[in-house]
Amino acid sequence: MPDAVRELKQGSGGNIYVHGSLSVAQELLRHGLVDRVRLLSYPGAVGQGKPLFPASEQVPLALISAAPFSNGVALEYAPVIARS
């Protein structure tokens, strides 16, 4: 999958979105193929589930924007690329 996404990103087809697939999002993050992470946060939500960011992996993100709405907030982050 990473090779196919790299090829798509080099084309002129526009943005690529991933909705509702945790495993695809994690794989794209792992391969450095994510330009933006958009999260909707609902403070009243409770429960359990798989985390987007596994505890064993750090994903440095820079906050781009935060927009409140009636029952939560929309957050947009950009992955921080480590420079050597």
Protein backbone atom coordinates (compact mmCIF):
# COMPACT_ATOMS: atom_id res chain seq x y z
CA MET A 1 0.00 0.00 0.00
CA PRO A 2 2.70 2.60 0.78
CA ASP A 3 4.06 2.43 -2.78
CA ALA A 4 0.60 2.94 -4.28
CA VAL A 5 -0.04 5.95 -2.03
CA ARG A 6 3.35 7.47 -2.89
CA GLU A 7 2.44 7.16 -6.58
CA LEU A 8 -0.97 8.79 -5.99
CA LYS A 9 0.60 11.66 -4.04
CA GLN A 10 2.94 12.39 -6.95
CA GLY A 11 -0.02 12.75 -9.31
CA SER A 12 -2.32 15.72 -9.68
CA GLY A 13 -5.53 14.11 -8.45
CA GLY A 14 -5.98 16.24 -5.34
CA ASN A 15 -6.19 15.35 -1.67
CA ILE A 16 -6.35 11.80 -0.36
CA TYR A 17 -8.53 11.23 2.70
CA VAL A 18 -8.77 8.24 5.02
CA HIS A 19 -12.04 7.93 6.95
CA GLY A 20 -12.76 5.22 9.46
CA SER A 21 -9.78 2.94 8.85
CA LEU A 22 -7.45 2.94 11.80
CA SER A 23 -5.08 0.39 10.27
CA VAL A 24 -4.70 2.37 7.02
CA ALA A 25 -4.13 5.64 8.90
CA GLN A 26 -1.51 4.01 11.13
CA GLU A 27 0.27 2.47 8.13
CA LEU A 28 0.38 5.79 6.28
CA LEU A 29 1.70 7.57 9.38
CA ARG A 30 4.35 4.88 9.84
CA HIS A 31 5.60 5.45 6.28
CA GLY A 32 5.60 9.25 6.49
CA LEU A 33 2.81 9.60 3.94
CA VAL A 34 0.50 11.82 5.99
CA ASP A 35 0.48 15.58 5.44
CA ARG A 36 -2.34 16.43 7.85
CA VAL A 37 -4.18 14.72 10.69
CA ARG A 38 -7.70 15.99 11.34
CA LEU A 39 -9.35 14.85 14.54
CA LEU A 40 -12.77 15.56 15.97
CA SER A 41 -12.83 15.55 19.74
CA TYR A 42 -16.04 15.10 21.69
CA PRO A 43 -15.24 15.64 25.40
CA GLY A 44 -18.34 13.74 26.55
CA ALA A 45 -17.40 10.55 24.70
CA VAL A 46 -16.35 7.60 26.84
CA GLY A 47 -15.42 4.05 26.13
CA GLN A 48 -12.62 1.91 24.88
CA GLY A 49 -11.09 1.27 21.54
CA LYS A 50 -7.86 1.09 19.64
CA PRO A 51 -5.66 4.17 19.94
CA LEU A 52 -4.70 6.01 16.77
CA PHE A 53 -1.17 6.47 18.07
CA PRO A 54 0.26 3.30 19.65
CA ALA A 55 2.03 3.84 22.98
CA SER A 56 5.17 2.23 21.57
CA GLU A 57 5.49 4.85 18.80
CA GLN A 58 5.83 8.60 19.16
CA VAL A 59 4.29 10.68 16.38
CA PRO A 60 5.38 14.31 16.76
CA LEU A 61 2.62 16.65 15.56
CA ALA A 62 2.34 20.43 15.27
CA LEU A 63 -1.07 21.99 15.84
CA ILE A 64 -2.25 23.83 12.71
CA SER A 65 -5.75 24.82 13.81
CA ALA A 66 -8.44 24.25 16.41
CA ALA A 67 -12.05 25.10 15.68
CA PRO A 68 -14.72 24.65 18.37
CA PHE A 69 -18.22 23.55 17.45
CA SER A 70 -21.36 22.93 19.52
CA ASN A 71 -20.23 19.71 21.22
CA GLY A 72 -16.50 19.41 20.61
CA VAL A 73 -13.53 20.69 18.68
CA ALA A 74 -11.98 20.00 15.28
CA LEU A 75 -8.20 19.80 15.44
CA GLU A 76 -5.76 19.78 12.54
CA TYR A 77 -2.15 18.73 12.95
CA ALA A 78 0.86 18.38 10.65
CA PRO A 79 3.41 15.65 11.32
CA VAL A 80 6.76 17.12 12.37
CA ILE A 81 9.52 15.76 10.18
CA ALA A 82 12.73 15.15 12.08
CA ARG A 83 15.68 16.84 10.45
CA SER A 84 19.11 15.28 10.81
